[in-house]
N, C-alpha and C. Protein backbone atom coordinates (compact mmCIF):
# COMPACT_ATOMS: atom_id res chain seq x y z
N UNK A 1 -5.32 -51.98 -12.69
CA UNK A 1 -5.73 -50.75 -13.25
C UNK A 1 -4.47 -49.85 -13.36
N UNK A 2 -4.40 -49.23 -14.65
CA UNK A 2 -3.23 -48.36 -14.81
C UNK A 2 -3.25 -47.16 -13.92
N UNK A 3 -2.00 -46.66 -13.66
CA UNK A 3 -2.09 -45.39 -12.79
C UNK A 3 -2.79 -44.22 -13.51
N UNK A 4 -3.27 -43.48 -12.62
CA UNK A 4 -4.07 -42.38 -13.17
C UNK A 4 -3.09 -41.12 -13.46
N UNK A 5 -3.20 -40.54 -14.53
CA UNK A 5 -2.51 -39.31 -14.90
C UNK A 5 -2.91 -38.17 -14.01
N UNK A 6 -1.97 -37.41 -13.61
CA UNK A 6 -2.33 -36.20 -12.96
C UNK A 6 -1.94 -35.00 -13.92
N UNK A 7 -2.61 -33.76 -13.51
CA UNK A 7 -2.24 -32.66 -14.43
C UNK A 7 -0.84 -32.34 -14.54
N UNK A 8 -0.18 -32.66 -13.48
CA UNK A 8 1.36 -32.25 -13.58
C UNK A 8 2.05 -33.12 -14.50
N UNK A 9 1.57 -34.30 -14.89
CA UNK A 9 2.23 -35.24 -15.88
C UNK A 9 1.93 -34.78 -17.30
N UNK A 10 0.91 -33.97 -17.47
CA UNK A 10 0.52 -33.55 -18.78
C UNK A 10 1.36 -32.66 -19.43
N UNK A 11 1.96 -32.83 -20.53
CA UNK A 11 2.90 -31.81 -21.08
C UNK A 11 2.28 -31.32 -22.33
N UNK A 12 3.00 -30.29 -22.91
CA UNK A 12 2.48 -29.74 -24.15
C UNK A 12 2.52 -30.78 -25.28
N UNK A 13 3.50 -31.64 -25.31
CA UNK A 13 3.65 -32.78 -26.23
C UNK A 13 2.41 -33.69 -26.13
N UNK A 14 2.07 -34.03 -24.88
CA UNK A 14 0.85 -34.78 -24.55
C UNK A 14 -0.29 -34.17 -25.11
N UNK A 15 -0.46 -32.94 -24.97
CA UNK A 15 -1.79 -32.10 -25.46
C UNK A 15 -1.74 -32.26 -26.97
N UNK A 16 -0.59 -32.01 -27.61
CA UNK A 16 -0.63 -32.11 -29.15
C UNK A 16 -0.99 -33.39 -29.64
N UNK A 17 -0.42 -34.46 -28.96
CA UNK A 17 -0.83 -35.85 -29.36
C UNK A 17 -2.33 -36.12 -29.09
N UNK A 18 -2.85 -35.57 -28.00
CA UNK A 18 -4.18 -35.90 -27.66
C UNK A 18 -5.04 -35.27 -28.65
N UNK A 19 -4.74 -33.93 -29.14
CA UNK A 19 -5.53 -33.30 -30.10
C UNK A 19 -5.42 -33.99 -31.42
N UNK A 20 -4.30 -34.49 -31.85
CA UNK A 20 -4.14 -35.20 -33.05
C UNK A 20 -4.92 -36.52 -33.06
N UNK A 21 -4.91 -37.17 -31.93
CA UNK A 21 -5.71 -38.45 -31.93
C UNK A 21 -7.15 -38.21 -31.89
N UNK A 22 -7.65 -37.20 -31.29
CA UNK A 22 -9.08 -36.87 -31.22
C UNK A 22 -9.51 -36.39 -32.63
N UNK A 23 -8.56 -35.69 -33.34
CA UNK A 23 -8.91 -35.28 -34.82
C UNK A 23 -9.12 -36.49 -35.70
N UNK A 24 -8.11 -37.40 -35.55
CA UNK A 24 -8.15 -38.67 -36.31
C UNK A 24 -9.44 -39.41 -35.94
N UNK A 25 -9.65 -39.66 -34.72
CA UNK A 25 -10.91 -40.36 -34.25
C UNK A 25 -12.16 -39.74 -34.80
N UNK A 26 -12.24 -38.37 -34.83
CA UNK A 26 -13.43 -37.71 -35.32
C UNK A 26 -13.63 -38.11 -36.87
N UNK A 27 -12.48 -38.02 -37.56
CA UNK A 27 -12.57 -38.35 -39.03
C UNK A 27 -12.77 -39.84 -39.28
N UNK A 28 -12.09 -40.76 -38.58
CA UNK A 28 -12.26 -42.15 -38.91
C UNK A 28 -13.62 -42.71 -38.48
N UNK A 29 -14.22 -42.19 -37.39
CA UNK A 29 -15.58 -42.61 -37.00
C UNK A 29 -16.67 -41.82 -37.48
N UNK A 30 -16.28 -40.87 -38.24
CA UNK A 30 -17.33 -39.91 -38.96
C UNK A 30 -18.14 -39.40 -37.92
N UNK A 31 -17.53 -38.89 -36.76
CA UNK A 31 -18.31 -38.21 -35.75
C UNK A 31 -18.70 -36.79 -36.04
N UNK A 32 -19.91 -36.30 -35.63
CA UNK A 32 -20.12 -34.95 -35.85
C UNK A 32 -19.18 -34.00 -34.98
N UNK A 33 -18.77 -32.92 -35.56
CA UNK A 33 -17.79 -32.11 -35.01
C UNK A 33 -18.17 -31.68 -33.47
N UNK A 34 -19.37 -31.57 -33.31
CA UNK A 34 -19.91 -31.09 -31.96
C UNK A 34 -19.71 -32.09 -30.84
N UNK A 35 -19.28 -33.30 -31.15
CA UNK A 35 -19.07 -34.22 -30.18
C UNK A 35 -17.95 -33.82 -29.13
N UNK A 36 -17.00 -33.01 -29.59
CA UNK A 36 -15.91 -32.64 -28.67
C UNK A 36 -16.50 -31.68 -27.60
N UNK A 37 -17.62 -31.19 -27.69
CA UNK A 37 -18.22 -30.36 -26.61
C UNK A 37 -19.34 -31.01 -25.85
N UNK A 38 -19.57 -32.37 -26.09
CA UNK A 38 -20.59 -33.15 -25.44
C UNK A 38 -20.27 -33.31 -23.93
N UNK A 39 -21.34 -33.15 -23.17
CA UNK A 39 -21.19 -33.15 -21.67
C UNK A 39 -20.44 -34.40 -21.27
N UNK A 40 -20.93 -35.61 -21.78
CA UNK A 40 -20.31 -36.84 -21.24
C UNK A 40 -18.93 -36.98 -21.54
N UNK A 41 -18.51 -36.52 -22.72
CA UNK A 41 -17.07 -36.51 -23.07
C UNK A 41 -16.32 -35.53 -22.08
N UNK A 42 -16.78 -34.37 -21.98
CA UNK A 42 -16.19 -33.40 -20.90
C UNK A 42 -16.03 -34.08 -19.64
N UNK A 43 -17.10 -34.78 -19.17
CA UNK A 43 -16.97 -35.37 -17.89
C UNK A 43 -15.94 -36.47 -17.83
N UNK A 44 -15.85 -37.30 -18.85
CA UNK A 44 -14.91 -38.42 -19.01
C UNK A 44 -13.51 -37.92 -18.93
N UNK A 45 -13.20 -36.87 -19.76
CA UNK A 45 -11.88 -36.24 -19.74
C UNK A 45 -11.52 -35.65 -18.45
N UNK A 46 -12.42 -35.01 -17.84
CA UNK A 46 -12.04 -34.37 -16.47
C UNK A 46 -11.87 -35.45 -15.44
N UNK A 47 -12.49 -36.49 -15.54
CA UNK A 47 -12.16 -37.74 -14.54
C UNK A 47 -11.05 -38.46 -14.76
N UNK A 48 -10.73 -38.70 -16.08
CA UNK A 48 -9.59 -39.66 -16.38
C UNK A 48 -8.40 -39.07 -17.07
N UNK A 49 -8.50 -37.86 -17.69
CA UNK A 49 -7.39 -37.13 -18.12
C UNK A 49 -7.35 -35.74 -17.66
N UNK A 50 -7.08 -35.56 -16.44
CA UNK A 50 -7.29 -34.17 -15.67
C UNK A 50 -6.40 -33.06 -16.38
N UNK A 51 -5.24 -33.45 -16.96
CA UNK A 51 -4.35 -32.39 -17.48
C UNK A 51 -4.80 -32.03 -18.88
N UNK A 52 -5.57 -32.74 -19.58
CA UNK A 52 -6.01 -32.53 -20.93
C UNK A 52 -6.79 -31.27 -21.10
N UNK A 53 -6.48 -30.46 -22.03
CA UNK A 53 -7.29 -29.12 -22.26
C UNK A 53 -8.27 -29.56 -23.46
N UNK A 54 -9.49 -29.49 -23.16
CA UNK A 54 -10.59 -29.67 -24.23
C UNK A 54 -10.54 -28.52 -25.09
N UNK A 55 -11.25 -28.82 -26.27
CA UNK A 55 -11.21 -27.69 -27.29
C UNK A 55 -12.53 -27.73 -27.91
N UNK A 56 -12.92 -26.64 -28.61
CA UNK A 56 -14.23 -26.40 -29.18
C UNK A 56 -14.28 -27.08 -30.60
N UNK A 57 -15.52 -27.18 -31.04
CA UNK A 57 -15.55 -27.80 -32.49
C UNK A 57 -15.08 -26.83 -33.53
N UNK A 58 -15.14 -25.42 -33.14
CA UNK A 58 -14.51 -24.42 -33.96
C UNK A 58 -13.02 -24.68 -34.16
N UNK A 59 -12.31 -24.82 -33.05
CA UNK A 59 -10.87 -25.29 -33.14
C UNK A 59 -10.65 -26.53 -34.04
N UNK A 60 -11.44 -27.55 -33.71
CA UNK A 60 -11.36 -28.77 -34.40
C UNK A 60 -11.49 -28.61 -35.88
N UNK A 61 -12.56 -27.85 -36.28
CA UNK A 61 -12.73 -27.59 -37.72
C UNK A 61 -11.89 -26.62 -38.44
N UNK A 62 -11.54 -25.55 -37.72
CA UNK A 62 -10.66 -24.57 -38.30
C UNK A 62 -9.21 -24.65 -38.15
N UNK A 63 -8.79 -25.48 -37.22
CA UNK A 63 -7.29 -25.53 -36.91
C UNK A 63 -6.87 -27.08 -36.89
N UNK A 64 -7.42 -27.87 -36.22
CA UNK A 64 -6.87 -29.19 -35.98
C UNK A 64 -7.04 -30.02 -37.18
N UNK A 65 -8.19 -30.07 -37.86
CA UNK A 65 -8.42 -30.89 -39.00
C UNK A 65 -7.52 -30.43 -40.15
N UNK A 66 -7.51 -29.15 -40.50
CA UNK A 66 -6.52 -28.64 -41.48
C UNK A 66 -5.07 -28.94 -41.23
N UNK A 67 -4.60 -28.95 -39.99
CA UNK A 67 -3.29 -29.35 -39.53
C UNK A 67 -3.03 -30.66 -39.80
N UNK A 68 -3.98 -31.62 -39.39
CA UNK A 68 -3.83 -33.06 -39.59
C UNK A 68 -3.84 -33.41 -41.07
N UNK A 69 -4.68 -32.84 -41.75
CA UNK A 69 -4.72 -33.00 -43.29
C UNK A 69 -3.41 -32.56 -43.91
N UNK A 70 -2.82 -31.60 -43.43
CA UNK A 70 -1.54 -31.08 -44.03
C UNK A 70 -0.44 -32.08 -43.65
N UNK A 71 -0.45 -32.62 -42.35
CA UNK A 71 0.51 -33.51 -41.95
C UNK A 71 0.41 -34.82 -42.75
N UNK A 72 -0.77 -35.47 -42.98
CA UNK A 72 -1.00 -36.60 -43.70
C UNK A 72 -0.66 -36.42 -45.21
N UNK A 73 -0.99 -35.21 -45.78
CA UNK A 73 -0.59 -35.03 -47.11
C UNK A 73 0.96 -34.87 -47.27
N UNK A 74 1.54 -34.30 -46.25
CA UNK A 74 3.08 -34.17 -46.32
C UNK A 74 3.65 -35.63 -46.37
N UNK A 75 3.14 -36.57 -45.32
CA UNK A 75 3.55 -37.92 -45.40
C UNK A 75 3.41 -38.60 -46.72
N UNK A 76 2.27 -38.36 -47.34
CA UNK A 76 1.98 -39.08 -48.62
C UNK A 76 2.92 -38.53 -49.71
N UNK A 77 3.20 -37.06 -49.65
CA UNK A 77 4.11 -36.63 -50.63
C UNK A 77 5.54 -37.17 -50.43
N UNK A 78 5.97 -37.37 -49.23
CA UNK A 78 7.23 -37.95 -48.97
C UNK A 78 7.25 -39.44 -49.50
N UNK A 79 6.21 -40.04 -49.16
CA UNK A 79 6.12 -41.43 -49.71
C UNK A 79 6.25 -41.46 -51.27
N UNK A 80 5.51 -40.64 -51.90
CA UNK A 80 5.63 -40.61 -53.34
C UNK A 80 7.06 -40.22 -53.82
N UNK A 81 7.73 -39.25 -53.16
CA UNK A 81 9.10 -38.90 -53.45
C UNK A 81 9.99 -40.00 -53.26
N UNK A 82 9.78 -40.84 -52.16
CA UNK A 82 10.71 -42.03 -51.89
C UNK A 82 10.52 -43.11 -52.97
N UNK A 83 9.34 -43.11 -53.60
CA UNK A 83 9.15 -44.08 -54.60
C UNK A 83 9.91 -43.90 -55.82
N UNK A 84 10.41 -42.61 -56.01
CA UNK A 84 11.19 -42.16 -57.15
C UNK A 84 10.50 -42.46 -58.49
N UNK A 85 9.30 -42.13 -58.57
CA UNK A 85 8.58 -42.28 -59.87
C UNK A 85 8.26 -40.87 -60.31
N UNK A 86 8.17 -40.72 -61.68
CA UNK A 86 7.94 -39.42 -62.20
C UNK A 86 6.52 -39.38 -62.97
N UNK A 87 5.95 -40.56 -63.14
CA UNK A 87 4.74 -40.54 -63.99
C UNK A 87 3.65 -41.32 -63.11
N UNK A 88 2.42 -40.97 -63.43
CA UNK A 88 1.20 -41.63 -62.97
C UNK A 88 0.02 -41.56 -63.63
N UNK A 89 -0.92 -42.25 -63.20
CA UNK A 89 -2.32 -42.33 -63.89
C UNK A 89 -3.27 -41.71 -62.93
N UNK A 90 -4.24 -40.99 -63.51
CA UNK A 90 -5.27 -40.11 -62.90
C UNK A 90 -6.64 -40.83 -62.99
N UNK A 91 -7.37 -40.95 -61.93
CA UNK A 91 -8.60 -41.57 -61.95
C UNK A 91 -9.60 -40.63 -61.23
N UNK A 92 -10.86 -40.71 -61.75
CA UNK A 92 -11.93 -40.05 -61.01
C UNK A 92 -13.17 -40.84 -61.05
N UNK A 93 -14.01 -40.62 -60.19
CA UNK A 93 -15.35 -41.34 -60.02
C UNK A 93 -16.27 -40.41 -59.23
N UNK A 94 -17.54 -40.37 -59.58
CA UNK A 94 -18.55 -39.78 -58.93
C UNK A 94 -19.51 -40.67 -58.20
N UNK A 95 -20.09 -40.24 -57.19
CA UNK A 95 -21.20 -41.01 -56.35
C UNK A 95 -21.91 -40.11 -55.54
N UNK A 96 -23.05 -40.54 -55.10
CA UNK A 96 -24.02 -39.83 -54.25
C UNK A 96 -23.85 -40.54 -52.89
N UNK A 97 -23.61 -39.69 -51.79
CA UNK A 97 -23.49 -40.16 -50.56
C UNK A 97 -24.91 -40.47 -49.89
N UNK A 98 -24.77 -40.96 -48.72
CA UNK A 98 -26.14 -41.23 -47.88
C UNK A 98 -26.81 -39.87 -47.58
N UNK A 99 -26.09 -38.76 -47.62
CA UNK A 99 -26.68 -37.48 -47.33
C UNK A 99 -27.10 -36.82 -48.62
N UNK A 100 -27.20 -37.58 -49.65
CA UNK A 100 -27.66 -37.03 -50.94
C UNK A 100 -26.71 -35.98 -51.55
N UNK A 101 -25.62 -35.95 -51.06
CA UNK A 101 -24.57 -34.99 -51.73
C UNK A 101 -23.91 -35.80 -52.89
N UNK A 102 -23.57 -35.15 -53.90
CA UNK A 102 -22.93 -35.68 -55.01
C UNK A 102 -21.45 -35.42 -54.89
N UNK A 103 -20.55 -36.36 -54.95
CA UNK A 103 -19.11 -36.22 -54.75
C UNK A 103 -18.33 -36.64 -56.07
N UNK A 104 -17.31 -35.99 -56.31
CA UNK A 104 -16.27 -36.29 -57.37
C UNK A 104 -14.96 -36.69 -56.55
N UNK A 105 -14.46 -37.89 -56.63
CA UNK A 105 -13.25 -38.25 -56.07
C UNK A 105 -12.17 -38.31 -57.19
N UNK A 106 -10.99 -37.73 -56.83
CA UNK A 106 -9.94 -37.63 -57.79
C UNK A 106 -8.74 -38.36 -57.02
N UNK A 107 -8.10 -39.20 -57.75
CA UNK A 107 -6.94 -40.00 -57.18
C UNK A 107 -6.01 -40.22 -58.24
N UNK A 108 -4.79 -40.61 -57.95
CA UNK A 108 -3.75 -41.04 -58.89
C UNK A 108 -3.05 -42.19 -58.31
N UNK A 109 -2.41 -42.86 -59.31
CA UNK A 109 -1.63 -43.99 -58.99
C UNK A 109 -0.18 -43.87 -59.53
N UNK A 110 0.73 -44.08 -58.69
CA UNK A 110 2.13 -44.00 -59.07
C UNK A 110 2.91 -45.00 -58.27
N UNK A 111 3.76 -45.72 -58.90
CA UNK A 111 4.63 -46.80 -58.28
C UNK A 111 3.83 -47.85 -57.58
N UNK A 112 2.65 -48.19 -58.11
CA UNK A 112 1.75 -49.18 -57.58
C UNK A 112 1.03 -48.88 -56.35
N UNK A 113 1.03 -47.48 -55.99
CA UNK A 113 0.38 -47.02 -54.79
C UNK A 113 -0.65 -45.97 -55.30
N UNK A 114 -1.79 -45.98 -54.57
CA UNK A 114 -2.88 -44.99 -54.83
C UNK A 114 -2.87 -43.85 -53.89
N UNK A 115 -2.86 -42.58 -54.35
CA UNK A 115 -2.88 -41.50 -53.55
C UNK A 115 -4.18 -40.62 -53.71
N UNK A 116 -4.79 -40.20 -52.78
CA UNK A 116 -5.96 -39.38 -52.86
C UNK A 116 -5.57 -37.96 -53.29
N UNK A 117 -6.22 -37.39 -54.33
CA UNK A 117 -5.76 -36.07 -54.76
C UNK A 117 -6.85 -35.19 -54.17
N UNK A 118 -8.13 -35.35 -54.40
CA UNK A 118 -9.19 -34.36 -53.96
C UNK A 118 -10.59 -34.99 -53.88
N UNK A 119 -11.35 -34.42 -53.16
CA UNK A 119 -12.77 -34.85 -52.99
C UNK A 119 -13.59 -33.62 -53.10
N UNK A 120 -14.45 -33.52 -54.00
CA UNK A 120 -15.29 -32.37 -54.29
C UNK A 120 -16.77 -32.68 -54.18
N UNK A 121 -17.46 -31.79 -53.46
CA UNK A 121 -18.90 -31.94 -53.25
C UNK A 121 -19.57 -31.10 -54.32
N UNK A 122 -20.24 -31.81 -55.24
CA UNK A 122 -20.76 -31.01 -56.32
C UNK A 122 -22.31 -30.92 -56.26
N UNK A 123 -22.90 -31.05 -55.18
CA UNK A 123 -24.36 -31.00 -54.90
C UNK A 123 -24.94 -29.93 -55.64
N UNK A 124 -24.41 -28.71 -55.53
CA UNK A 124 -25.09 -27.47 -56.07
C UNK A 124 -24.85 -27.27 -57.54
N UNK A 125 -24.19 -28.24 -58.27
CA UNK A 125 -23.86 -27.97 -59.73
C UNK A 125 -24.65 -28.89 -60.53
N UNK A 126 -25.04 -28.35 -61.69
CA UNK A 126 -25.55 -29.22 -62.73
C UNK A 126 -24.51 -30.32 -63.15
N UNK A 127 -24.92 -31.46 -63.45
CA UNK A 127 -23.99 -32.60 -63.82
C UNK A 127 -23.98 -32.56 -65.26
N UNK A 128 -22.96 -31.87 -65.81
CA UNK A 128 -22.76 -31.83 -67.28
C UNK A 128 -21.30 -32.14 -67.62
N UNK A 129 -21.15 -32.65 -68.84
CA UNK A 129 -19.88 -32.98 -69.36
C UNK A 129 -18.81 -31.81 -69.35
N UNK A 130 -19.34 -30.65 -69.62
CA UNK A 130 -18.60 -29.41 -69.62
C UNK A 130 -18.05 -29.12 -68.19
N UNK A 131 -18.99 -29.21 -67.23
CA UNK A 131 -18.49 -28.96 -65.87
C UNK A 131 -17.60 -30.03 -65.40
N UNK A 132 -17.89 -31.21 -65.70
CA UNK A 132 -16.91 -32.32 -65.43
C UNK A 132 -15.60 -32.01 -66.04
N UNK A 133 -15.49 -31.61 -67.23
CA UNK A 133 -14.23 -31.32 -67.88
C UNK A 133 -13.57 -30.29 -67.13
N UNK A 134 -14.18 -29.18 -66.74
CA UNK A 134 -13.65 -28.12 -65.97
C UNK A 134 -13.01 -28.61 -64.83
N UNK A 135 -13.62 -29.49 -63.99
CA UNK A 135 -13.11 -30.11 -62.78
C UNK A 135 -11.87 -30.91 -63.00
N UNK A 136 -12.05 -31.76 -64.10
CA UNK A 136 -10.87 -32.58 -64.47
C UNK A 136 -9.60 -31.83 -64.84
N UNK A 137 -9.85 -30.82 -65.66
CA UNK A 137 -8.65 -29.91 -66.00
C UNK A 137 -7.94 -29.30 -64.85
N UNK A 138 -8.82 -28.65 -63.86
CA UNK A 138 -8.32 -28.15 -62.65
C UNK A 138 -7.67 -29.13 -61.76
N UNK A 139 -8.19 -30.20 -61.52
CA UNK A 139 -7.62 -31.21 -60.62
C UNK A 139 -6.30 -31.85 -61.30
N UNK A 140 -6.38 -32.05 -62.57
CA UNK A 140 -5.21 -32.58 -63.21
C UNK A 140 -4.04 -31.67 -63.06
N UNK A 141 -4.26 -30.39 -63.34
CA UNK A 141 -3.11 -29.52 -63.22
C UNK A 141 -2.66 -29.32 -61.83
N UNK A 142 -3.67 -29.24 -60.82
CA UNK A 142 -3.34 -29.15 -59.39
C UNK A 142 -2.53 -30.35 -58.85
N UNK A 143 -3.06 -31.47 -59.26
CA UNK A 143 -2.21 -32.68 -58.89
C UNK A 143 -0.87 -32.68 -59.38
N UNK A 144 -0.65 -32.40 -60.60
CA UNK A 144 0.74 -32.40 -61.17
C UNK A 144 1.54 -31.35 -60.54
N UNK A 145 1.08 -30.32 -60.21
CA UNK A 145 1.83 -29.15 -59.52
C UNK A 145 2.11 -29.52 -58.02
N UNK A 146 0.97 -30.04 -57.30
CA UNK A 146 1.08 -30.23 -55.90
C UNK A 146 2.01 -31.37 -55.54
N UNK A 147 1.89 -32.49 -56.38
CA UNK A 147 2.61 -33.70 -56.08
C UNK A 147 3.83 -33.91 -57.01
N UNK A 148 4.18 -32.92 -57.91
CA UNK A 148 5.35 -32.95 -58.69
C UNK A 148 5.41 -34.30 -59.49
N UNK A 149 4.42 -34.55 -60.18
CA UNK A 149 4.31 -35.76 -61.05
C UNK A 149 3.70 -35.45 -62.35
N UNK A 150 4.08 -36.25 -63.36
CA UNK A 150 3.57 -36.07 -64.73
C UNK A 150 2.48 -37.14 -64.86
N UNK A 151 1.31 -36.70 -65.09
CA UNK A 151 0.15 -37.65 -65.23
C UNK A 151 0.02 -37.88 -66.78
N UNK A 152 -0.01 -39.35 -67.05
CA UNK A 152 0.09 -39.66 -68.43
C UNK A 152 -1.17 -40.37 -68.93
N UNK A 153 -1.92 -40.59 -68.11
CA UNK A 153 -3.32 -41.26 -68.41
C UNK A 153 -4.41 -40.94 -67.43
N UNK A 154 -5.73 -41.08 -68.00
CA UNK A 154 -6.92 -40.77 -67.14
C UNK A 154 -7.82 -41.95 -67.31
N UNK A 155 -8.48 -42.35 -66.24
CA UNK A 155 -9.53 -43.41 -66.28
C UNK A 155 -10.81 -42.73 -65.60
N UNK A 156 -11.92 -42.75 -66.18
CA UNK A 156 -13.14 -42.30 -65.58
C UNK A 156 -14.29 -43.39 -65.77
N UNK A 157 -15.38 -43.17 -65.11
CA UNK A 157 -16.44 -44.19 -65.11
C UNK A 157 -17.10 -43.99 -66.58
N UNK A 158 -18.13 -44.87 -66.82
CA UNK A 158 -18.66 -44.93 -68.07
C UNK A 158 -20.00 -44.21 -68.34
N UNK A 159 -20.27 -43.14 -67.54
CA UNK A 159 -21.47 -42.40 -67.79
C UNK A 159 -21.39 -41.60 -69.03
N UNK A 160 -22.60 -41.15 -69.47
CA UNK A 160 -22.58 -40.38 -70.77
C UNK A 160 -21.75 -39.03 -70.59
N UNK A 161 -21.92 -38.45 -69.44
CA UNK A 161 -21.05 -37.16 -69.29
C UNK A 161 -19.74 -37.43 -69.22
N UNK A 162 -19.28 -38.56 -68.57
CA UNK A 162 -17.83 -38.91 -68.59
C UNK A 162 -17.27 -39.29 -70.03
N UNK A 163 -18.08 -40.00 -70.75
CA UNK A 163 -17.75 -40.24 -72.10
C UNK A 163 -17.47 -38.98 -72.91
N UNK A 164 -18.39 -38.02 -72.86
CA UNK A 164 -18.35 -36.70 -73.51
C UNK A 164 -17.08 -35.93 -73.01
N UNK A 165 -16.87 -35.92 -71.67
CA UNK A 165 -15.63 -35.41 -71.00
C UNK A 165 -14.36 -35.98 -71.65
N UNK A 166 -14.36 -37.36 -71.70
CA UNK A 166 -13.08 -38.07 -72.20
C UNK A 166 -12.87 -37.62 -73.62
N UNK A 167 -13.98 -37.58 -74.58
CA UNK A 167 -13.68 -37.20 -75.81
C UNK A 167 -13.12 -35.79 -76.06
N UNK A 168 -13.64 -34.88 -75.27
CA UNK A 168 -13.15 -33.51 -75.41
C UNK A 168 -11.83 -33.42 -74.88
N UNK A 169 -11.52 -34.11 -73.70
CA UNK A 169 -10.20 -34.09 -73.30
C UNK A 169 -9.14 -34.71 -74.27
N UNK A 170 -9.57 -35.73 -74.81
CA UNK A 170 -8.62 -36.35 -75.92
C UNK A 170 -8.32 -35.41 -77.02
N UNK A 171 -9.28 -34.53 -77.45
CA UNK A 171 -8.97 -33.55 -78.42
C UNK A 171 -7.89 -32.50 -77.93
N UNK A 172 -8.12 -32.11 -76.62
CA UNK A 172 -7.29 -31.05 -76.07
C UNK A 172 -5.82 -31.64 -75.76
N UNK A 173 -5.79 -32.92 -75.30
CA UNK A 173 -4.59 -33.53 -74.89
C UNK A 173 -4.31 -34.85 -75.50
N UNK A 174 -3.86 -34.84 -76.85
CA UNK A 174 -3.65 -36.09 -77.51
C UNK A 174 -2.56 -36.93 -76.92
N UNK A 175 -1.75 -36.29 -76.05
CA UNK A 175 -0.60 -37.03 -75.42
C UNK A 175 -1.03 -37.88 -74.30
N UNK A 176 -2.27 -37.86 -73.87
CA UNK A 176 -2.88 -38.68 -72.76
C UNK A 176 -3.38 -40.13 -73.22
N UNK A 177 -3.27 -40.94 -72.46
CA UNK A 177 -4.00 -42.22 -72.54
C UNK A 177 -5.22 -42.04 -71.88
N UNK A 178 -6.42 -42.07 -72.51
CA UNK A 178 -7.68 -41.94 -71.87
C UNK A 178 -8.52 -43.14 -72.07
N UNK A 179 -8.93 -43.63 -70.94
CA UNK A 179 -9.79 -44.89 -70.95
C UNK A 179 -10.98 -44.91 -70.10
N UNK A 180 -11.94 -45.65 -70.41
CA UNK A 180 -13.18 -45.77 -69.38
C UNK A 180 -12.85 -46.92 -68.50
N UNK A 181 -13.57 -46.80 -67.43
CA UNK A 181 -13.39 -47.86 -66.38
C UNK A 181 -14.29 -49.09 -66.74
N UNK A 182 -13.66 -50.18 -67.08
CA UNK A 182 -14.40 -51.42 -67.52
C UNK A 182 -15.28 -52.05 -66.41
N UNK A 183 -14.98 -51.66 -65.09
CA UNK A 183 -15.76 -52.26 -64.09
C UNK A 183 -17.14 -51.56 -64.01
N UNK A 184 -17.32 -50.36 -64.66
CA UNK A 184 -18.60 -49.77 -64.70
C UNK A 184 -19.47 -50.24 -65.79
């Protein structure tokens, strides 16, 4: 049995690492944010990690998740910079999750690597080509600015609204290569 940590061995660095791991666990296991306040969890930590300071779901949601997201995005941006590529292709796809929310996922590929750009919950919107075009314009511009990359192509699914969006975008941006996804 490993030696038990005491509160005196718990440093600020341990606490930061603990919070980062709990944040990543919450996201990767798709746990509800309230789990960090669960009585059984609190008991387990008190018994086996006595120096650890527990935190509320409010801190998890408003501080720790945004910090971890910023850290992961920073690593991805460094990875992209290290690839020394200036151009990429932009992809989007929509789907309905198990919770009946409709999502639009935006990603791009550069140097044979895929990078997540944005995920939008569009549950409360009408699903029209015009609205999709508005999202594509905004995410295209945001991705180019945030990631410092020139996007030269766009691929989207083959729905009727995607087809109409691609046609309108081709008129606006004749410099882009615009394709449908043949797997759809």
